[in-house]
Protein backbone atom coordinates (compact mmCIF):
# COMPACT_ATOMS: atom_id res chain seq x y z
CA UNK A 1 3.23 -18.16 2.17
CA UNK A 2 6.97 -17.74 2.31
CA UNK A 3 9.07 -18.20 -0.85
CA UNK A 4 12.63 -17.06 -0.07
CA UNK A 5 12.36 -13.32 0.72
CA UNK A 6 8.74 -13.13 -0.54
CA UNK A 7 6.22 -13.26 2.29
CA UNK A 8 2.52 -13.06 1.29
CA UNK A 9 -0.85 -13.49 2.81
CA UNK A 10 -4.28 -13.32 0.98
CA UNK A 11 -5.11 -16.22 -1.21
CA UNK A 12 -5.57 -14.22 -4.42
CA UNK A 13 -2.16 -12.60 -4.00
CA UNK A 14 -0.57 -16.00 -3.38
CA UNK A 15 -2.27 -17.59 -6.37
CA UNK A 16 -1.24 -14.68 -8.64
CA UNK A 17 2.40 -14.86 -7.40
CA UNK A 18 2.61 -18.55 -8.00
CA UNK A 19 1.01 -18.20 -11.39
CA UNK A 20 3.46 -15.45 -12.34
CA UNK A 21 6.43 -17.39 -11.02
CA UNK A 22 5.41 -20.38 -13.27
CA UNK A 23 4.77 -18.11 -16.31
CA UNK A 24 1.07 -18.55 -16.26
CA UNK A 25 0.32 -14.80 -16.37
CA UNK A 26 0.14 -13.64 -19.97
CA UNK A 27 1.92 -10.55 -21.26
CA UNK A 28 -1.26 -9.25 -22.90
CA UNK A 29 -3.03 -6.65 -20.58
CA UNK A 30 -6.43 -7.80 -21.80
CA UNK A 31 -5.73 -11.38 -20.81
CA UNK A 32 -4.20 -10.39 -17.46
CA UNK A 33 -7.33 -8.32 -16.79
CA UNK A 34 -9.59 -11.21 -17.70
CA UNK A 35 -7.74 -13.51 -15.28
CA UNK A 36 -7.93 -10.90 -12.56
CA UNK A 37 -11.78 -10.44 -13.29
CA UNK A 38 -12.37 -14.17 -13.03
CA UNK A 39 -10.50 -14.39 -9.80
CA UNK A 40 -12.54 -11.55 -8.29
CA UNK A 41 -15.88 -12.95 -9.53
CA UNK A 42 -15.01 -16.35 -7.96
CA UNK A 43 -13.81 -14.56 -4.75
CA UNK A 44 -17.20 -12.73 -4.45
CA UNK A 45 -19.12 -15.89 -4.67
CA UNK A 46 -16.77 -17.50 -2.10
CA UNK A 47 -17.21 -14.59 0.30
CA UNK A 48 -21.00 -14.81 0.02
CA UNK A 49 -20.79 -18.55 0.80
CA UNK A 50 -18.41 -17.97 3.73
CA UNK A 51 -20.63 -15.19 5.21
CA UNK A 52 -23.48 -17.61 5.23
CA UNK A 53 -21.40 -20.49 6.62
CA UNK A 54 -20.09 -18.38 9.54
CA UNK A 55 -23.29 -16.49 10.29
CA UNK A 56 -25.21 -17.15 13.46
CA UNK A 57 -28.24 -16.93 11.14
CA UNK A 58 -26.92 -19.78 8.99
CA UNK A 59 -30.19 -21.73 8.80
CA UNK A 60 -32.14 -18.57 7.93
CA UNK A 61 -29.59 -17.52 5.26
CA UNK A 62 -29.18 -20.93 3.69
CA UNK A 63 -32.40 -20.88 1.55
CA UNK A 64 -31.61 -17.39 0.24
CA UNK A 65 -28.04 -18.44 -0.72
CA UNK A 66 -29.42 -21.51 -2.48
CA UNK A 67 -31.94 -19.34 -4.38
CA UNK A 68 -29.26 -17.00 -5.57
CA UNK A 69 -26.75 -19.71 -6.51
CA UNK A 70 -28.23 -20.95 -9.79
CA UNK A 71 -27.86 -17.61 -11.59
CA UNK A 72 -24.26 -17.42 -10.59
CA UNK A 73 -23.60 -21.06 -11.63
CA UNK A 74 -25.46 -20.35 -14.92
CA UNK A 75 -23.19 -17.36 -15.56
CA UNK A 76 -20.14 -19.49 -14.95
CA UNK A 77 -21.51 -22.24 -17.12
CA UNK A 78 -22.07 -19.80 -20.00
CA UNK A 79 -18.65 -18.34 -19.57
CA UNK A 80 -16.95 -21.70 -19.61
CA UNK A 81 -18.79 -22.54 -22.86
CA UNK A 82 -16.96 -25.25 -24.80
CA UNK A 83 -13.54 -24.40 -23.20
CA UNK A 84 -11.63 -27.02 -21.21
CA UNK A 85 -10.59 -24.33 -18.65
CA UNK A 86 -11.87 -20.84 -17.92
CA UNK A 87 -9.58 -19.18 -20.40
CA UNK A 88 -9.12 -21.91 -22.96
CA UNK A 89 -6.94 -24.99 -23.23
CA UNK A 90 -4.46 -24.08 -20.50
CA UNK A 91 -5.23 -24.24 -16.85
CA UNK A 92 -4.67 -20.98 -14.91
CA UNK A 93 -4.92 -19.67 -11.42
CA UNK A 94 -8.64 -18.81 -11.41
CA UNK A 95 -9.33 -22.44 -12.24
CA UNK A 96 -7.81 -23.43 -8.97
CA UNK A 97 -10.02 -20.99 -7.01
CA UNK A 98 -13.22 -22.01 -8.98
CA UNK A 99 -12.55 -25.73 -8.51
CA UNK A 100 -12.00 -25.35 -4.82
CA UNK A 101 -15.21 -23.39 -4.57
CA UNK A 102 -17.24 -25.88 -6.69
CA UNK A 103 -15.90 -28.80 -4.62
CA UNK A 104 -17.12 -26.99 -1.48
CA UNK A 105 -20.50 -26.11 -3.01
CA UNK A 106 -21.04 -29.80 -3.96
CA UNK A 107 -20.22 -30.83 -0.41
CA UNK A 108 -22.77 -28.25 0.80
CA UNK A 109 -25.49 -29.08 -1.67
CA UNK A 110 -24.67 -32.30 -3.68
CA UNK A 111 -27.16 -31.57 -6.54
CA UNK A 112 -26.01 -27.97 -7.05
CA UNK A 113 -24.26 -28.79 -10.41
CA UNK A 114 -26.77 -31.21 -11.74
CA UNK A 115 -28.25 -28.57 -14.12
CA UNK A 116 -24.78 -27.37 -15.19
CA UNK A 117 -23.11 -30.23 -17.15
CA UNK A 118 -20.23 -28.12 -18.32
CA UNK A 119 -19.33 -27.14 -14.78
CA UNK A 120 -19.77 -30.64 -13.53
CA UNK A 121 -17.47 -31.97 -16.27
CA UNK A 122 -15.03 -29.09 -15.51
CA UNK A 123 -14.87 -30.09 -11.81
CA UNK A 124 -14.41 -33.68 -12.63
CA UNK A 125 -11.63 -32.85 -15.17
CA UNK A 126 -9.88 -30.74 -12.51
CA UNK A 127 -10.23 -33.43 -9.79
CA UNK A 128 -8.85 -36.06 -12.16
CA UNK A 129 -5.51 -34.19 -12.50
CA UNK A 130 -2.99 -36.77 -11.21
CA UNK A 131 -1.39 -34.63 -8.40
CA UNK A 132 -4.74 -33.38 -7.17
CA UNK A 133 -6.30 -36.85 -7.39
CA UNK A 134 -3.55 -38.23 -5.19
CA UNK A 135 -3.90 -35.31 -2.75
CA UNK A 136 -7.72 -35.69 -2.56
CA UNK A 137 -7.20 -39.44 -1.74
CA UNK A 138 -4.89 -38.52 1.11
CA UNK A 139 -5.70 -38.62 4.80
CA UNK A 140 -4.65 -35.01 4.94
CA UNK A 141 -7.36 -33.92 2.54
CA UNK A 142 -9.92 -36.17 3.96
CA UNK A 143 -9.46 -34.81 7.49
CA UNK A 144 -9.84 -31.17 6.19
CA UNK A 145 -12.92 -28.98 6.54
CA UNK A 146 -14.02 -26.29 4.17
CA UNK A 147 -14.40 -23.77 6.95
CA UNK A 148 -12.89 -23.18 10.45
CA UNK A 149 -14.30 -24.31 13.85
CA UNK A 150 -16.48 -21.22 14.33
CA UNK A 151 -18.48 -21.90 11.13
CA UNK A 152 -22.06 -23.15 11.38
CA UNK A 153 -21.30 -25.31 8.36
CA UNK A 154 -17.73 -26.59 8.23
CA UNK A 155 -17.95 -29.04 5.40
CA UNK A 156 -16.30 -31.90 7.33
CA UNK A 157 -15.46 -34.73 4.99
């Protein structure tokens, strides 16, 4: 990402930069740490998903990944609780990372959120945001894959 004289790589750094630029990062150290913790937790799950998707042993690893997924989704469901977004009533940068991941997981295993009504409603709420809804209806989005050409599972739309 290039923003004037700021040049960044790494999705978490880019998300945090954009969030900070738009005053989404709270002044409170405890809240900043919570946001960072959430981002790292989501990144860990995404990395495990990507490792499986890109592995030559994809078919062998898939059942193990699907077996370990429910406890992770259960933890996220519990953390979300009755909140609209991960940290309350205001959307923040970890919400973008989680919703991207949930969207990909649903493409991978369509029933994966069936036992998690709060996460399912959360994803639907996110995907109904006007700008995102318009983007997801675009040919640009519909032609995208979740993973690159070397992945065993790309998530082609």
